[in-house]
PDB file of N, CA and C in Angstrom:
ATOM      1  N   MET A   1     -60.192 -45.179 -47.717  1.00  0.00           N
ATOM      2  CA  MET A   1     -59.383 -44.127 -47.725  1.00  0.00           C
ATOM      3  C   MET A   1     -58.760 -44.466 -45.921  1.00  0.00           C
ATOM      4  N   LEU A   2     -57.677 -44.638 -45.953  1.00  0.00           N
ATOM      5  CA  LEU A   2     -57.168 -44.584 -44.046  1.00  0.00           C
ATOM      6  C   LEU A   2     -56.075 -43.654 -43.878  1.00  0.00           C
ATOM      7  N   ILE A   3     -56.263 -42.511 -42.481  1.00  0.00           N
ATOM      8  CA  ILE A   3     -55.862 -42.184 -42.375  1.00  0.00           C
ATOM      9  C   ILE A   3     -54.937 -42.106 -41.160  1.00  0.00           C
ATOM     10  N   MET A   4     -53.302 -41.413 -40.734  1.00  0.00           N
ATOM     11  CA  MET A   4     -53.389 -41.814 -39.353  1.00  0.00           C
ATOM     12  C   MET A   4     -53.318 -40.322 -38.861  1.00  0.00           C
ATOM     13  N   THR A   5     -54.133 -40.890 -37.250  1.00  0.00           N
ATOM     14  CA  THR A   5     -54.139 -39.607 -36.649  1.00  0.00           C
ATOM     15  C   THR A   5     -52.628 -39.055 -35.783  1.00  0.00           C
ATOM     16  N   LYS A   6     -52.682 -38.152 -35.316  1.00  0.00           N
ATOM     17  CA  LYS A   6     -51.056 -37.244 -34.396  1.00  0.00           C
ATOM     18  C   LYS A   6     -51.361 -38.489 -33.379  1.00  0.00           C
ATOM     19  N   ASP A   7     -52.539 -39.111 -33.032  1.00  0.00           N
ATOM     20  CA  ASP A   7     -51.952 -40.341 -31.575  1.00  0.00           C
ATOM     21  C   ASP A   7     -51.902 -42.157 -32.390  1.00  0.00           C
ATOM     22  N   ARG A   8     -51.479 -41.675 -33.951  1.00  0.00           N
ATOM     23  CA  ARG A   8     -51.051 -42.921 -34.121  1.00  0.00           C
ATOM     24  C   ARG A   8     -52.348 -43.866 -34.634  1.00  0.00           C
ATOM     25  N   GLU A   9     -53.470 -43.174 -34.589  1.00  0.00           N
ATOM     26  CA  GLU A   9     -54.575 -43.930 -35.239  1.00  0.00           C
ATOM     27  C   GLU A   9     -55.019 -44.281 -35.833  1.00  0.00           C
ATOM     28  N   ILE A  10     -55.379 -45.456 -36.780  1.00  0.00           N
ATOM     29  CA  ILE A  10     -55.940 -45.579 -37.978  1.00  0.00           C
ATOM     30  C   ILE A  10     -57.637 -44.990 -38.016  1.00  0.00           C
ATOM     31  N   LEU A  11     -57.314 -43.971 -38.713  1.00  0.00           N
ATOM     32  CA  LEU A  11     -59.402 -44.111 -38.992  1.00  0.00           C
ATOM     33  C   LEU A  11     -59.405 -44.384 -40.772  1.00  0.00           C
ATOM     34  N   ASN A  12     -60.900 -45.051 -40.888  1.00  0.00           N
ATOM     35  CA  ASN A  12     -61.325 -45.053 -41.780  1.00  0.00           C
ATOM     36  C   ASN A  12     -62.103 -44.353 -42.370  1.00  0.00           C
ATOM     37  N   LEU A  13     -61.950 -43.269 -43.668  1.00  0.00           N
ATOM     38  CA  LEU A  13     -63.103 -42.239 -43.640  1.00  0.00           C
ATOM     39  C   LEU A  13     -64.127 -42.944 -44.008  1.00  0.00           C
ATOM     40  N   ASP A  14     -64.628 -43.922 -44.701  1.00  0.00           N
ATOM     41  CA  ASP A  14     -66.041 -44.142 -44.953  1.00  0.00           C
ATOM     42  C   ASP A  14     -66.633 -43.785 -43.249  1.00  0.00           C
ATOM     43  N   ASN A  15     -65.687 -43.684 -42.599  1.00  0.00           N
ATOM     44  CA  ASN A  15     -66.694 -43.344 -41.688  1.00  0.00           C
ATOM     45  C   ASN A  15     -66.959 -42.052 -41.020  1.00  0.00           C
ATOM     46  N   VAL A  16     -66.437 -41.488 -41.674  1.00  0.00           N
ATOM     47  CA  VAL A  16     -66.505 -39.396 -41.301  1.00  0.00           C
ATOM     48  C   VAL A  16     -67.683 -39.199 -41.743  1.00  0.00           C
ATOM     49  N   LEU A  17     -68.012 -37.949 -41.318  1.00  0.00           N
ATOM     50  CA  LEU A  17     -69.227 -37.700 -41.776  1.00  0.00           C
ATOM     51  C   LEU A  17     -68.691 -36.206 -42.006  1.00  0.00           C
ATOM     52  N   GLU A  18     -67.941 -35.394 -41.655  1.00  0.00           N
ATOM     53  CA  GLU A  18     -67.244 -34.307 -41.633  1.00  0.00           C
ATOM     54  C   GLU A  18     -65.397 -34.050 -41.661  1.00  0.00           C
ATOM     55  N   ILE A  19     -64.647 -33.604 -42.275  1.00  0.00           N
ATOM     56  CA  ILE A  19     -63.846 -33.079 -42.386  1.00  0.00           C
ATOM     57  C   ILE A  19     -63.507 -31.991 -42.737  1.00  0.00           C
ATOM     58  N   ARG A  20     -62.482 -31.337 -41.461  1.00  0.00           N
ATOM     59  CA  ARG A  20     -61.902 -29.970 -41.747  1.00  0.00           C
ATOM     60  C   ARG A  20     -60.951 -29.144 -41.125  1.00  0.00           C
ATOM     61  N   ALA A  21     -60.388 -27.972 -41.622  1.00  0.00           N
ATOM     62  CA  ALA A  21     -59.331 -27.133 -40.819  1.00  0.00           C
ATOM     63  C   ALA A  21     -59.890 -26.447 -39.890  1.00  0.00           C
ATOM     64  N   SER A  22     -59.693 -26.622 -38.422  1.00  0.00           N
ATOM     65  CA  SER A  22     -60.068 -25.361 -37.730  1.00  0.00           C
ATOM     66  C   SER A  22     -58.980 -24.429 -37.707  1.00  0.00           C
ATOM     67  N   GLU A  23     -59.358 -23.594 -36.786  1.00  0.00           N
ATOM     68  CA  GLU A  23     -58.182 -23.196 -36.617  1.00  0.00           C
ATOM     69  C   GLU A  23     -56.295 -23.139 -36.909  1.00  0.00           C
ATOM     70  N   GLU A  24     -55.794 -24.277 -36.219  1.00  0.00           N
ATOM     71  CA  GLU A  24     -54.390 -24.614 -36.136  1.00  0.00           C
ATOM     72  C   GLU A  24     -54.612 -26.492 -36.717  1.00  0.00           C
ATOM     73  N   ASN A  25     -55.929 -26.546 -36.850  1.00  0.00           N
ATOM     74  CA  ASN A  25     -55.755 -28.501 -36.992  1.00  0.00           C
ATOM     75  C   ASN A  25     -57.079 -28.850 -37.541  1.00  0.00           C
ATOM     76  N   VAL A  26     -56.245 -30.177 -38.002  1.00  0.00           N
ATOM     77  CA  VAL A  26     -57.458 -30.657 -39.219  1.00  0.00           C
ATOM     78  C   VAL A  26     -57.885 -32.000 -38.140  1.00  0.00           C
ATOM     79  N   GLU A  27     -59.322 -31.435 -38.423  1.00  0.00           N
ATOM     80  CA  GLU A  27     -60.178 -32.349 -37.329  1.00  0.00           C
ATOM     81  C   GLU A  27     -61.172 -32.962 -38.317  1.00  0.00           C
ATOM     82  N   CYS A  28     -61.900 -34.416 -37.620  1.00  0.00           N
ATOM     83  CA  CYS A  28     -63.080 -34.760 -38.771  1.00  0.00           C
ATOM     84  C   CYS A  28     -63.633 -35.345 -37.691  1.00  0.00           C
ATOM     85  N   GLU A  29     -64.517 -35.479 -38.370  1.00  0.00           N
ATOM     86  CA  GLU A  29     -66.594 -36.084 -36.963  1.00  0.00           C
ATOM     87  C   GLU A  29     -66.684 -37.230 -37.661  1.00  0.00           C
ATOM     88  N   LEU A  30     -66.987 -38.285 -36.743  1.00  0.00           N
ATOM     89  CA  LEU A  30     -67.285 -39.452 -37.145  1.00  0.00           C
ATOM     90  C   LEU A  30     -68.398 -39.888 -37.425  1.00  0.00           C
ATOM     91  N   MET A  31     -69.509 -40.824 -37.551  1.00  0.00           N
ATOM     92  CA  MET A  31     -70.577 -40.959 -37.320  1.00  0.00           C
ATOM     93  C   MET A  31     -70.895 -40.896 -36.239  1.00  0.00           C
ATOM     94  N   ASN A  32     -69.984 -41.814 -35.287  1.00  0.00           N
ATOM     95  CA  ASN A  32     -70.466 -41.837 -33.814  1.00  0.00           C
ATOM     96  C   ASN A  32     -70.330 -40.556 -33.128  1.00  0.00           C
ATOM     97  N   GLY A  33     -69.753 -39.431 -33.638  1.00  0.00           N
ATOM     98  CA  GLY A  33     -70.271 -38.125 -32.309  1.00  0.00           C
ATOM     99  C   GLY A  33     -69.035 -38.018 -32.738  1.00  0.00           C
ATOM    100  N   TYR A  34     -67.477 -38.604 -32.159  1.00  0.00           N
ATOM    101  CA  TYR A  34     -66.135 -37.934 -31.486  1.00  0.00           C
ATOM    102  C   TYR A  34     -65.711 -37.483 -32.814  1.00  0.00           C
ATOM    103  N   ILE A  35     -65.001 -36.659 -31.913  1.00  0.00           N
ATOM    104  CA  ILE A  35     -64.100 -35.348 -33.266  1.00  0.00           C
ATOM    105  C   ILE A  35     -62.569 -36.451 -32.882  1.00  0.00           C
ATOM    106  N   TYR A  36     -62.129 -36.090 -33.898  1.00  0.00           N
ATOM    107  CA  TYR A  36     -60.278 -36.512 -33.739  1.00  0.00           C
ATOM    108  C   TYR A  36     -59.779 -35.575 -34.471  1.00  0.00           C
ATOM    109  N   THR A  37     -58.691 -35.314 -33.647  1.00  0.00           N
ATOM    110  CA  THR A  37     -57.560 -33.755 -34.233  1.00  0.00           C
ATOM    111  C   THR A  37     -56.398 -35.157 -35.168  1.00  0.00           C
ATOM    112  N   ILE A  38     -56.816 -35.046 -36.219  1.00  0.00           N
ATOM    113  CA  ILE A  38     -55.741 -36.019 -37.473  1.00  0.00           C
ATOM    114  C   ILE A  38     -54.097 -35.103 -37.116  1.00  0.00           C
ATOM    115  N   GLN A  39     -54.023 -33.699 -36.727  1.00  0.00           N
ATOM    116  CA  GLN A  39     -52.832 -33.366 -36.903  1.00  0.00           C
ATOM    117  C   GLN A  39     -53.165 -32.010 -36.640  1.00  0.00           C
ATOM    118  N   SER A  40     -52.142 -31.320 -35.688  1.00  0.00           N
ATOM    119  CA  SER A  40     -52.127 -30.196 -34.815  1.00  0.00           C
ATOM    120  C   SER A  40     -50.990 -29.074 -36.391  1.00  0.00           C
ATOM    121  N   PHE A  41     -51.016 -27.931 -36.617  1.00  0.00           N
ATOM    122  CA  PHE A  41     -49.905 -27.217 -37.335  1.00  0.00           C
ATOM    123  C   PHE A  41     -49.814 -26.320 -36.077  1.00  0.00           C
ATOM    124  N   LYS A  42     -49.138 -25.413 -36.645  1.00  0.00           N
ATOM    125  CA  LYS A  42     -48.310 -24.010 -36.752  1.00  0.00           C
ATOM    126  C   LYS A  42     -49.181 -22.586 -36.855  1.00  0.00           C
ATOM    127  N   THR A  43     -49.895 -23.045 -38.094  1.00  0.00           N
ATOM    128  CA  THR A  43     -50.445 -21.813 -39.091  1.00  0.00           C
ATOM    129  C   THR A  43     -51.868 -22.162 -39.426  1.00  0.00           C
ATOM    130  N   HIS A  44     -52.656 -21.372 -39.762  1.00  0.00           N
ATOM    131  CA  HIS A  44     -54.306 -21.604 -40.367  1.00  0.00           C
ATOM    132  C   HIS A  44     -53.643 -22.654 -41.773  1.00  0.00           C
ATOM    133  N   LYS A  45     -52.516 -21.705 -42.382  1.00  0.00           N
ATOM    134  CA  LYS A  45     -52.991 -22.378 -43.925  1.00  0.00           C
ATOM    135  C   LYS A  45     -52.379 -23.689 -44.078  1.00  0.00           C
ATOM    136  N   LYS A  46     -51.582 -23.394 -42.983  1.00  0.00           N
ATOM    137  CA  LYS A  46     -50.692 -25.175 -43.033  1.00  0.00           C
ATOM    138  C   LYS A  46     -51.645 -26.533 -42.501  1.00  0.00           C
ATOM    139  N   ALA A  47     -52.330 -25.970 -42.067  1.00  0.00           N
ATOM    140  CA  ALA A  47     -54.049 -26.565 -41.737  1.00  0.00           C
ATOM    141  C   ALA A  47     -54.653 -26.999 -43.314  1.00  0.00           C
ATOM    142  N   GLU A  48     -54.568 -25.816 -43.558  1.00  0.00           N
ATOM    143  CA  GLU A  48     -55.151 -26.046 -45.038  1.00  0.00           C
ATOM    144  C   GLU A  48     -54.672 -26.221 -46.124  1.00  0.00           C
ATOM    145  N   ASP A  49     -53.478 -26.510 -46.373  1.00  0.00           N
ATOM    146  CA  ASP A  49     -53.413 -27.555 -46.968  1.00  0.00           C
ATOM    147  C   ASP A  49     -52.490 -28.851 -46.589  1.00  0.00           C
ATOM    148  N   ALA A  50     -52.741 -29.251 -45.553  1.00  0.00           N
ATOM    149  CA  ALA A  50     -52.752 -30.891 -45.156  1.00  0.00           C
ATOM    150  C   ALA A  50     -54.354 -31.130 -45.623  1.00  0.00           C
ATOM    151  N   LEU A  51     -55.468 -30.276 -45.304  1.00  0.00           N
ATOM    152  CA  LEU A  51     -56.699 -31.020 -45.622  1.00  0.00           C
ATOM    153  C   LEU A  51     -56.586 -31.093 -47.652  1.00  0.00           C
ATOM    154  N   ASP A  52     -56.636 -30.161 -48.157  1.00  0.00           N
ATOM    155  CA  ASP A  52     -56.223 -30.021 -49.585  1.00  0.00           C
ATOM    156  C   ASP A  52     -55.329 -31.434 -50.083  1.00  0.00           C
ATOM    157  N   LYS A  53     -54.387 -31.962 -49.210  1.00  0.00           N
ATOM    158  CA  LYS A  53     -53.535 -33.094 -48.947  1.00  0.00           C
ATOM    159  C   LYS A  53     -54.560 -34.613 -49.355  1.00  0.00           C
ATOM    160  N   ILE A  54     -54.953 -34.280 -47.933  1.00  0.00           N
ATOM    161  CA  ILE A  54     -56.604 -35.900 -48.057  1.00  0.00           C
ATOM    162  C   ILE A  54     -57.461 -35.252 -48.890  1.00  0.00           C
ATOM    163  N   LEU A  55     -57.608 -34.492 -49.625  1.00  0.00           N
ATOM    164  CA  LEU A  55     -58.873 -34.646 -50.193  1.00  0.00           C
ATOM    165  C   LEU A  55     -58.392 -35.054 -51.999  1.00  0.00           C
ATOM    166  N   ASN A  56     -57.270 -34.367 -52.055  1.00  0.00           N
ATOM    167  CA  ASN A  56     -56.481 -34.377 -53.375  1.00  0.00           C
ATOM    168  C   ASN A  56     -56.562 -35.874 -53.431  1.00  0.00           C
ATOM    169  N   GLN A  57     -56.127 -37.033 -52.207  1.00  0.00           N
ATOM    170  CA  GLN A  57     -55.817 -37.917 -52.608  1.00  0.00           C
ATOM    171  C   GLN A  57     -57.137 -39.209 -52.022  1.00  0.00           C
ATOM    172  N   TYR A  58     -57.862 -38.494 -51.894  1.00  0.00           N
ATOM    173  CA  TYR A  58     -59.353 -39.329 -51.593  1.00  0.00           C
ATOM    174  C   TYR A  58     -58.992 -40.247 -52.495  1.00  0.00           C
ATOM    175  N   ASP A  59     -59.649 -39.996 -54.022  1.00  0.00           N
ATOM    176  CA  ASP A  59     -60.236 -41.469 -54.473  1.00  0.00           C
ATOM    177  C   ASP A  59     -58.824 -42.042 -55.170  1.00  0.00           C
ATOM    178  N   ARG A  60     -57.725 -42.119 -54.852  1.00  0.00           N
ATOM    179  CA  ARG A  60     -57.400 -42.926 -55.014  1.00  0.00           C
ATOM    180  C   ARG A  60     -56.410 -44.288 -54.204  1.00  0.00           C
ATOM    181  N   GLY A  61     -57.883 -44.768 -53.605  1.00  0.00           N
ATOM    182  CA  GLY A  61     -58.191 -46.343 -53.436  1.00  0.00           C
ATOM    183  C   GLY A  61     -57.449 -46.490 -51.642  1.00  0.00           C
ATOM    184  N   GLN A  62     -57.594 -47.376 -51.030  1.00  0.00           N
ATOM    185  CA  GLN A  62     -57.103 -47.982 -49.647  1.00  0.00           C
ATOM    186  C   GLN A  62     -55.775 -47.713 -49.500  1.00  0.00           C
ATOM    187  N   ARG A  63     -55.487 -46.764 -48.895  1.00  0.00           N
ATOM    188  CA  ARG A  63     -54.139 -46.879 -48.706  1.00  0.00           C
ATOM    189  C   ARG A  63     -54.023 -45.520 -47.633  1.00  0.00           C
ATOM    190  N   VAL A  64     -53.232 -45.254 -46.256  1.00  0.00           N
ATOM    191  CA  VAL A  64     -52.704 -45.059 -44.983  1.00  0.00           C
ATOM    192  C   VAL A  64     -52.216 -43.187 -45.670  1.00  0.00           C
ATOM    193  N   ILE A  65     -52.392 -42.390 -45.112  1.00  0.00           N
ATOM    194  CA  ILE A  65     -52.271 -41.029 -45.293  1.00  0.00           C
ATOM    195  C   ILE A  65     -51.055 -40.637 -44.636  1.00  0.00           C
ATOM    196  N   LYS A  66     -49.982 -40.084 -44.242  1.00  0.00           N
ATOM    197  CA  LYS A  66     -49.947 -39.458 -43.518  1.00  0.00           C
ATOM    198  C   LYS A  66     -49.450 -37.973 -43.702  1.00  0.00           C
ATOM    199  N   LEU A  67     -49.377 -37.074 -42.489  1.00  0.00           N
ATOM    200  CA  LEU A  67     -49.711 -36.030 -42.784  1.00  0.00           C
ATOM    201  C   LEU A  67     -48.065 -35.684 -42.138  1.00  0.00           C
TER     202      LEU A  67
END
């Protein structure tokens, strides 16, 4: 599955070690150690909802998810 970051970069989730909702961001850590902010939100609840959206679509094939 592919995901578009806030900087319009496309990340392949096959290369992701961890994806998490921090204070007001959804972030992912890649296997090479880089941490990308996928999207910033005004509240932690909205970040958690976006993370749920990503996780619910994970097994639906190769496509780009935009938040």
